[in-house]
Protein backbone atom coordinates (compact mmCIF):
# COMPACT_ATOMS: atom_id res chain seq x y z
CA MET A 1 24.84 4.19 -0.78
CA ALA A 2 25.88 3.48 -4.45
CA LYS A 3 23.02 3.83 -7.11
CA PRO A 4 20.52 1.10 -6.54
CA LYS A 5 20.58 -2.01 -8.68
CA LEU A 6 17.59 -3.63 -9.98
CA ILE A 7 15.94 -7.32 -10.05
CA GLN A 8 12.73 -7.89 -11.26
CA VAL A 9 10.67 -10.97 -10.52
CA PHE A 10 7.16 -12.48 -10.92
CA GLU A 11 4.99 -13.34 -7.59
CA HIS A 12 5.55 -16.95 -6.76
CA GLN A 13 8.95 -16.84 -8.27
CA ARG A 14 11.99 -18.12 -6.41
CA LEU A 15 15.52 -16.29 -5.79
CA LEU A 16 18.61 -18.31 -5.38
CA LYS A 17 21.40 -16.76 -3.46
CA ASN A 18 24.67 -15.87 -5.22
CA ASN A 19 22.54 -16.37 -8.52
CA THR A 20 22.53 -13.42 -11.27
CA TYR A 21 19.26 -11.94 -12.22
CA ASP A 22 18.93 -9.20 -14.55
CA GLY A 23 22.60 -8.74 -14.44
CA VAL A 24 22.72 -8.43 -10.63
CA CYS A 25 23.94 -11.10 -8.43
CA PHE A 26 21.55 -11.86 -5.53
CA GLU A 27 24.40 -11.87 -2.89
CA ASP A 28 24.34 -13.84 0.44
CA ARG A 29 23.66 -10.60 2.41
CA TYR A 30 21.14 -9.58 0.38
CA PHE A 31 19.28 -12.99 1.18
CA LYS A 32 19.99 -12.76 5.00
CA ALA A 33 18.85 -9.08 5.16
CA LEU A 34 15.55 -10.17 3.25
CA LEU A 35 14.94 -13.03 5.94
CA LYS A 36 15.31 -10.42 8.67
CA LEU A 37 12.84 -7.86 6.90
CA ASN A 38 10.12 -10.92 6.02
CA GLU A 39 10.33 -12.00 10.05
CA LEU A 40 9.54 -8.35 10.97
CA HIS A 41 6.70 -8.56 8.45
CA ASN A 42 5.08 -11.80 10.03
CA SER A 43 6.89 -13.89 7.27
CA LYS A 44 4.14 -13.09 4.71
CA TYR A 45 5.96 -11.63 1.60
CA PHE A 46 7.83 -14.80 0.63
CA THR A 47 8.87 -18.41 1.95
CA PRO A 48 12.56 -19.54 2.65
CA THR A 49 13.73 -22.26 0.82
CA TYR A 50 16.81 -24.06 0.26
CA GLU A 51 19.46 -21.89 -0.68
CA GLY A 52 16.83 -19.07 -1.50
CA LEU A 53 13.19 -18.07 -1.25
CA LYS A 54 10.12 -18.22 -3.07
CA PHE A 55 7.76 -15.34 -3.43
CA ASP A 56 4.11 -15.47 -2.11
CA SER A 57 1.03 -13.34 -3.33
CA TYR A 58 2.77 -9.97 -2.38
CA VAL A 59 3.81 -7.49 -5.17
CA GLY A 60 5.55 -4.37 -5.11
CA VAL A 61 9.14 -3.38 -4.16
CA LEU A 62 11.72 -4.18 -1.57
CA GLN A 63 15.08 -2.08 -1.07
CA ILE A 64 17.86 -3.50 0.93
CA ASP A 65 20.86 -0.83 0.51
CA ASP A 66 21.76 -0.76 -2.74
CA LEU A 67 19.70 -3.48 -4.24
CA VAL A 68 15.78 -2.96 -5.37
CA ILE A 69 13.83 -5.86 -6.19
CA GLU A 70 10.42 -5.20 -7.95
CA VAL A 71 7.99 -8.29 -7.32
CA LEU A 72 5.33 -8.06 -10.33
CA PRO A 73 1.75 -9.68 -10.83
CA LYS A 74 1.54 -12.23 -13.36
CA VAL A 75 -1.34 -14.37 -14.77
CA GLU A 76 0.07 -17.38 -16.57
CA GLY A 77 -0.62 -17.57 -20.30
CA TYR A 78 0.25 -14.02 -20.89
CA THR A 79 3.44 -13.33 -23.19
CA ALA A 80 3.55 -9.74 -21.75
CA GLU A 81 7.19 -8.71 -20.49
CA LYS A 82 8.05 -7.51 -16.92
CA ASN A 83 8.15 -3.81 -17.57
CA GLN A 84 4.23 -4.35 -18.97
CA TRP A 85 3.20 -6.19 -15.65
CA ARG A 86 5.28 -3.30 -13.70
CA ASP A 87 2.95 -0.69 -15.35
CA VAL A 88 -0.10 -2.88 -14.76
CA LEU A 89 0.73 -2.99 -11.25
CA ILE A 90 1.06 1.07 -11.53
CA GLU A 91 -2.42 1.35 -13.12
CA MET A 92 -3.79 -0.93 -10.40
CA LEU A 93 -2.33 1.01 -7.71
CA ARG A 94 -3.64 4.30 -9.58
CA VAL A 95 -7.37 3.11 -9.90
CA THR A 96 -7.68 1.94 -6.57
CA HIS A 97 -6.30 4.91 -5.26
CA GLN A 98 -3.37 3.67 -3.41
CA LEU A 99 -1.09 5.80 -5.93
CA LYS A 100 -1.54 9.18 -7.97
CA VAL A 101 0.42 8.79 -10.88
CA ASN A 102 -0.73 12.35 -11.92
CA GLU A 103 1.12 14.04 -8.73
CA VAL A 104 4.31 12.49 -10.13
CA GLY A 105 3.90 13.01 -13.60
CA GLN A 106 3.14 10.46 -16.12
CA ALA A 107 6.60 10.92 -17.99
CA SER A 108 8.51 10.05 -14.87
CA VAL A 109 6.43 7.10 -14.42
CA ALA A 110 7.22 5.90 -17.98
CA LYS A 111 10.90 5.80 -17.41
CA GLN A 112 11.91 2.26 -17.18
CA SER A 113 14.59 3.18 -14.65
CA ILE A 114 12.28 4.47 -12.19
CA HIS A 115 10.63 1.93 -9.89
CA LEU A 116 7.59 1.74 -7.49
CA LEU A 117 9.39 3.40 -4.07
CA ASP A 118 10.88 6.22 -6.44
CA ILE A 119 7.19 7.01 -7.42
CA TYR A 120 5.98 7.12 -3.97
CA PHE A 121 9.22 9.02 -2.91
CA ASP A 122 8.36 11.65 -6.01
CA TRP A 123 4.83 11.89 -4.66
CA PHE A 124 5.65 12.59 -1.16
CA LEU A 125 8.44 14.93 -1.98
CA ARG A 126 6.27 17.10 -4.07
CA GLU A 127 3.33 16.99 -1.46
CA VAL A 128 5.74 18.44 1.05
CA GLU A 129 7.14 21.14 -1.29
CA GLN A 130 3.29 22.35 -2.07
CA LEU A 131 3.03 22.84 1.58
CA VAL A 132 6.36 24.59 2.23
CA HIS A 133 5.10 26.77 -0.61
CA ALA A 134 1.74 27.54 0.78
CA GLY A 135 3.21 28.16 4.36
CA LEU A 136 3.53 25.50 6.85
CA ILE A 137 1.03 25.86 9.57
CA LYS A 138 1.68 26.58 13.20
CA GLN A 139 -0.14 24.94 16.19
CA TYR A 140 0.12 25.26 19.97
CA ARG A 141 1.91 22.62 21.99
CA LYS A 142 3.21 22.24 25.27
CA GLU A 143 6.65 22.95 26.47
CA THR A 144 8.54 22.31 29.84
CA LYS A 145 11.78 24.37 30.23
CA ASN A 146 13.59 27.12 31.91
CA THR A 147 12.60 30.65 31.18
CA LEU A 148 13.51 33.99 32.39
CA ALA A 149 9.85 35.15 32.91
CA LEU A 150 7.25 33.33 34.77
CA LYS A 151 4.71 31.87 32.50
CA GLY A 152 2.36 28.98 32.39
CA LYS A 153 2.55 26.58 35.22
CA LEU A 154 5.55 26.42 37.72
CA GLU A 155 6.92 22.80 37.64
CA PHE A 156 8.01 23.14 41.64
CA ALA A 157 10.04 19.74 42.15
CA GLY A 158 12.14 20.80 38.56
CA HIS A 159 12.51 24.08 39.67
CA ILE A 160 13.97 23.59 42.99
CA ARG A 161 16.33 21.02 41.27
CA LYS A 162 17.49 23.15 38.22
CA ASN A 163 17.20 26.66 39.60
CA LEU A 164 19.05 26.42 43.27
CA VAL A 165 21.57 28.83 42.23
CA HIS A 166 19.74 30.52 39.16
CA GLN A 167 16.89 32.17 41.13
CA GLU A 168 16.41 34.45 38.02
CA ARG A 169 15.25 31.46 35.99
CA PHE A 170 11.70 29.69 36.01
CA TYR A 171 11.09 26.03 35.36
CA THR A 172 7.76 26.21 33.76
CA THR A 173 5.35 23.95 31.59
CA HIS A 174 3.66 26.70 29.12
CA GLN A 175 2.06 26.76 25.56
CA VAL A 176 4.17 27.52 22.48
CA TYR A 177 2.56 28.49 18.94
CA ASP A 178 4.92 27.60 16.56
CA LYS A 179 5.72 24.73 13.56
CA ASP A 180 7.76 22.28 15.88
CA HIS A 181 4.41 19.97 16.17
CA LEU A 182 3.55 16.44 15.53
CA LEU A 183 2.69 16.74 12.06
CA HIS A 184 5.84 18.42 10.91
CA LYS A 185 7.85 15.90 13.23
CA ILE A 186 6.24 13.12 11.08
CA MET A 187 7.00 14.82 7.97
CA ASN A 188 10.73 15.46 8.79
CA GLU A 189 11.09 11.72 10.06
CA ALA A 190 9.88 10.80 6.56
CA LEU A 191 11.96 12.83 4.72
CA GLN A 192 15.19 11.57 6.65
CA VAL A 193 13.88 7.71 5.54
CA VAL A 194 13.91 9.21 1.88
CA GLU A 195 17.21 10.86 1.99
CA THR A 196 18.67 7.55 3.41
CA MET A 197 17.14 5.56 0.62
CA SER A 198 17.59 7.79 -2.38
CA LYS A 199 21.43 8.31 -1.94
CA GLY A 200 23.31 7.63 -5.20
CA THR A 201 20.05 9.00 -7.30
CA TYR A 202 18.86 12.29 -8.73
CA ARG A 203 16.05 12.18 -6.05
CA TYR A 204 18.61 12.80 -2.99
CA GLY A 205 19.70 16.38 -3.91
CA ARG A 206 15.95 17.18 -4.39
CA CYS A 207 15.18 15.76 -0.93
CA LYS A 208 18.11 17.63 0.59
CA ALA A 209 16.84 20.94 -1.01
CA VAL A 210 13.51 20.16 0.38
CA GLN A 211 15.09 19.78 3.96
CA LEU A 212 16.84 23.05 3.91
CA ASN A 213 13.40 24.57 3.23
CA PHE A 214 12.07 22.87 5.94
CA PRO A 215 12.18 23.86 9.66
CA GLU A 216 14.20 22.44 12.16
CA MET A 217 12.52 20.06 14.18
CA SER A 218 12.84 18.37 17.55
CA THR A 219 13.35 14.62 17.44
CA LEU A 220 10.28 12.09 17.52
CA LYS A 221 10.14 8.32 17.59
CA VAL A 222 7.52 7.69 15.15
CA VAL A 223 5.46 4.35 15.52
CA ALA A 224 2.22 3.17 14.53
CA GLN A 225 0.55 4.57 17.66
CA THR A 226 1.69 8.29 16.73
CA PHE A 227 -0.46 8.45 13.86
CA ASP A 228 -3.62 7.66 16.27
CA LYS A 229 -2.84 11.14 17.88
CA ILE A 230 -3.64 13.08 15.06
CA ILE A 231 -6.98 14.95 14.54
CA PHE A 232 -7.56 16.27 10.98
CA ASN A 233 -9.72 19.68 10.94
CA ARG A 234 -10.33 22.41 8.44
CA LYS A 235 -6.92 24.08 9.46
CA ASN A 236 -4.86 21.17 8.90
CA GLN A 237 -6.86 19.08 6.32
CA ALA A 238 -4.29 19.90 3.45
CA TYR A 239 -1.78 17.56 5.21
CA GLN A 240 -3.85 14.33 5.03
CA THR A 241 -2.21 13.41 1.86
CA VAL A 242 1.45 13.71 2.99
CA ILE A 243 0.59 12.18 6.20
CA ALA A 244 -0.87 8.98 4.78
CA LEU A 245 2.42 9.01 2.40
CA ALA A 246 4.61 9.60 5.45
CA ARG A 247 2.97 6.66 7.36
CA LEU A 248 3.45 4.32 4.48
CA ILE A 249 7.16 5.35 4.32
CA ILE A 250 7.97 5.38 8.03
CA LEU A 251 5.97 2.07 8.90
CA ASN A 252 7.78 0.18 6.07
CA TYR A 253 11.34 1.38 6.84
CA SER A 254 13.26 -1.43 8.88
CA PRO A 255 16.76 0.41 9.67
CA ASN A 256 19.42 -1.91 11.40
CA VAL A 257 16.59 -4.12 12.01
CA LYS A 258 17.97 -6.89 14.71
CA HIS A 259 21.30 -5.15 14.72
CA GLY A 260 22.30 -5.64 11.62
CA ASP A 261 23.72 -2.63 9.23
CA GLU A 262 21.52 -2.86 6.17
CA GLN A 263 18.87 -0.20 5.31
CA MET A 264 15.98 -1.54 4.27
CA LEU A 265 12.45 -0.70 3.07
CA ALA A 266 9.20 -2.88 2.03
CA LEU A 267 6.54 -1.54 0.08
CA MET A 268 4.17 -4.60 -0.73
CA PHE A 269 0.68 -5.08 -1.39
CA ASP A 270 -1.55 -8.30 -1.27
CA MET A 271 -2.34 -9.00 -4.94
CA ASN A 272 -5.82 -10.87 -3.78
CA ASP A 273 -6.68 -7.55 -1.93
CA LEU A 274 -5.34 -5.51 -4.82
CA TRP A 275 -7.55 -7.60 -7.41
CA GLU A 276 -10.42 -7.37 -5.62
CA LYS A 277 -10.19 -3.47 -5.28
CA TYR A 278 -9.47 -3.05 -8.73
CA VAL A 279 -12.71 -5.49 -10.13
CA LEU A 280 -14.56 -3.39 -7.15
CA ALA A 281 -13.35 0.06 -8.62
CA LYS A 282 -14.13 -0.79 -12.28
CA LEU A 283 -17.52 -2.02 -11.43
CA LYS A 284 -18.52 1.18 -9.58
CA GLN A 285 -16.97 3.36 -12.67
CA GLN A 286 -19.02 1.20 -15.35
CA ALA A 287 -22.23 0.07 -13.72
CA GLY A 288 -24.43 2.75 -15.35
CA SER A 289 -27.83 3.39 -13.71
CA GLU A 290 -28.90 -0.14 -13.65
CA TRP A 291 -26.92 -1.65 -10.78
CA LEU A 292 -26.17 -0.72 -7.11
CA VAL A 293 -22.19 -1.98 -6.48
CA LYS A 294 -21.14 -2.67 -2.86
CA GLY A 295 -17.87 -3.92 -1.54
CA GLN A 296 -17.44 -5.64 1.76
CA ASP A 297 -21.04 -5.78 2.78
CA SER A 298 -21.42 -7.72 5.76
CA LYS A 299 -24.14 -9.77 7.61
CA THR A 300 -24.07 -11.54 10.95
CA PHE A 301 -23.22 -15.22 10.50
CA TRP A 302 -22.53 -16.69 14.20
CA GLU A 303 -23.09 -14.80 17.40
CA ASN A 304 -20.68 -12.01 16.87
CA LYS A 305 -19.13 -12.90 13.64
CA SER A 306 -19.99 -11.82 10.35
CA ILE A 307 -19.18 -12.64 6.66
CA LYS A 308 -18.66 -10.32 3.87
CA PRO A 309 -18.13 -11.16 0.20
CA ASP A 310 -15.92 -8.98 -1.97
CA ILE A 311 -18.75 -7.22 -4.04
CA VAL A 312 -22.40 -7.55 -3.86
CA LEU A 313 -24.28 -6.21 -6.75
CA GLN A 314 -28.02 -5.27 -6.65
CA HIS A 315 -30.17 -4.46 -9.72
CA VAL A 316 -32.01 -1.43 -9.53
CA LEU A 317 -35.41 -2.19 -11.00
CA THR A 318 -35.57 -6.25 -10.06
CA ARG A 319 -33.82 -5.79 -6.59
CA THR A 320 -32.09 -9.03 -7.39
CA ASN A 321 -28.66 -9.78 -6.06
CA VAL A 322 -25.34 -11.19 -7.52
CA ILE A 323 -22.16 -11.76 -5.84
CA VAL A 324 -18.83 -11.50 -6.99
CA ASP A 325 -15.72 -12.97 -5.08
CA THR A 326 -12.46 -12.37 -6.65
CA LYS A 327 -9.91 -14.73 -6.73
CA TRP A 328 -5.98 -13.63 -8.07
CA LYS A 329 -5.44 -17.14 -9.02
CA ASN A 330 -4.58 -18.89 -12.22
CA TYR A 331 -8.01 -20.87 -12.92
CA ALA A 332 -8.00 -24.50 -13.26
CA TYR A 333 -11.31 -26.15 -12.44
CA ASP A 334 -10.09 -29.30 -10.98
CA LYS A 335 -7.89 -27.12 -8.38
CA ILE A 336 -10.81 -24.87 -7.26
CA GLY A 337 -10.77 -25.12 -3.43
CA LEU A 338 -13.86 -26.89 -1.92
CA ASP A 339 -13.59 -23.85 0.76
CA ASP A 340 -14.27 -21.52 -2.11
CA LEU A 341 -17.20 -23.24 -3.16
CA ARG A 342 -18.61 -23.49 0.03
CA GLN A 343 -17.81 -19.57 0.33
CA ILE A 344 -19.56 -18.77 -2.66
CA TYR A 345 -22.87 -20.95 -1.44
CA VAL A 346 -23.25 -19.42 1.89
CA TYR A 347 -23.00 -15.87 0.63
CA ASN A 348 -25.65 -16.77 -2.14
CA ASP A 349 -27.83 -18.05 0.80
CA PHE A 350 -27.65 -15.26 3.03
CA TRP A 351 -27.83 -12.47 0.39
CA GLU A 352 -31.03 -14.57 -1.34
CA ALA A 353 -28.54 -13.94 -4.60
CA GLU A 354 -29.88 -14.91 -7.88
CA LEU A 355 -25.99 -15.69 -8.84
CA GLY A 356 -22.65 -16.13 -7.08
CA MET A 357 -19.69 -15.98 -8.97
CA LEU A 358 -15.88 -16.61 -8.43
CA LEU A 359 -14.06 -14.34 -10.65
CA TYR A 360 -10.47 -15.68 -11.66
CA PRO A 361 -8.35 -13.38 -14.07
CA SER A 362 -7.32 -15.11 -17.23
CA PRO A 363 -5.28 -14.60 -20.53
CA THR A 364 -8.07 -15.53 -23.02
CA GLU A 365 -11.51 -13.99 -22.94
CA THR A 366 -13.97 -12.58 -20.35
CA LYS A 367 -16.61 -15.44 -20.00
CA ILE A 368 -18.69 -17.83 -17.46
CA ALA A 369 -16.88 -21.30 -17.50
CA VAL A 370 -19.64 -23.41 -18.52
CA LYS A 371 -18.27 -26.66 -16.36
CA GLY A 372 -19.64 -27.19 -12.90
CA THR A 373 -21.82 -24.50 -12.50
CA TYR A 374 -24.66 -25.55 -9.44
CA ALA A 375 -28.31 -24.32 -9.23
CA LYS A 376 -30.18 -25.53 -5.65
CA ASN A 377 -32.57 -23.55 -3.87
CA GLY A 378 -33.00 -21.05 -6.52
CA TYR A 379 -29.40 -19.73 -6.18
CA GLN A 380 -26.90 -20.33 -8.93
CA GLY A 381 -23.05 -20.90 -8.70
CA LYS A 382 -20.89 -20.31 -11.57
CA ILE A 383 -16.98 -19.59 -12.44
CA GLY A 384 -16.12 -16.20 -13.90
CA LEU A 385 -13.09 -15.67 -15.96
CA ALA A 386 -11.60 -11.94 -16.47
CA THR A 387 -9.36 -10.82 -19.25
CA VAL A 388 -6.84 -8.87 -17.13
CA LEU A 389 -4.72 -7.53 -20.02
CA THR A 390 -5.58 -6.20 -23.66
CA ALA A 391 -4.01 -7.51 -27.14
CA ASP A 392 -1.57 -4.71 -26.70
CA GLY A 393 -0.19 -5.98 -23.07
CA LYS A 394 -1.95 -2.94 -21.26
CA LEU A 395 -4.60 -3.53 -18.36
CA ASN A 396 -7.99 -4.02 -19.28
CA LYS A 397 -10.02 -0.53 -18.62
CA ASP A 398 -13.05 -2.34 -19.69
CA LEU A 399 -13.18 -5.19 -17.15
CA GLY A 400 -16.28 -3.62 -15.38
CA SER A 401 -18.30 -3.47 -18.56
CA ASP A 402 -17.10 -6.93 -19.59
CA ILE A 403 -18.30 -8.25 -16.12
CA PHE A 404 -21.66 -6.79 -16.70
CA ASP A 405 -22.31 -8.26 -19.88
CA LEU A 406 -21.66 -11.77 -18.59
CA LEU A 407 -24.25 -10.95 -15.88
CA SER A 408 -26.63 -9.76 -19.00
């Protein structure tokens, strides 16, 4: 695999096949491979169009063989460049604990040539290196095979079938205490994915070095259900981060999907979900002692169905509630969905909230949009606008404080 080529696009942007973007041709083979990949992920990343595709609200990175496509967030009205929005995405992932930039190194992240997959791969390799250096743990596992000594449980049917001539052998199921267990098999599988997707880069050599220091493993087909079998305890709790990263890498890797020849990996995040988590994180950081901040607080709505607003704020002294429902879309009053307005009204009613606010990103200032507020039965509904970037094009780190200023 050659050194990866990079195309940067924004969410909701179109890519037309055989057109050139950032000096790279979006060839027909990449287009067809992306169609397969999107179908594998329930067609949620983009919508096929005539001679191309249109990205939806998912951001992140897609790799097809030697092509990397970064899908970046953006709010209309900002003049920030693509690399600034790339840094915004990385910072949002860091704040919401979906990415630990410090584990990779801030200097590495600052390189314009490094993309999101690189960061996750480097983070995974670093975690593996640290575990190997500290000493990989051993665990008990069951093994069924021929032995020269009778130990464990004799498997009669297999013993008769395999040892009719070799009567000095015993076909048994017995316990083995070694490093060839589930945790290491998962890590080994993820290492193979990183090796495959890193050919042509400096990371390939680093990955091969890690593999040389990693014990030889028996093969295992890792699927989503494989991770359900893991039980963490005091002995293996140091593996939690590396297994979480391995899960992310393995389950998003799609080799030879539908009998194609492409090596593909998608690491995509729903921007609506990421915006909600970022706002929640900043509110929790900057709430001070006056407010309690709860995310996804739920109440029963109809029989066994529940409703849960994005964020519930409760004033410590007055015990009054404020509902914040985040919306990652460009604010335009005449385009606000009626369902969104109904939703915030129901939240107000069920939580007996003093205020319910639909919070949109804004390129100008953090404020309440005065037009169209409602007040009924003691409840208020308003539109809130929150500035995402600062004047120098960086993510607004005072977002939580700005929102609390609106409430005051």
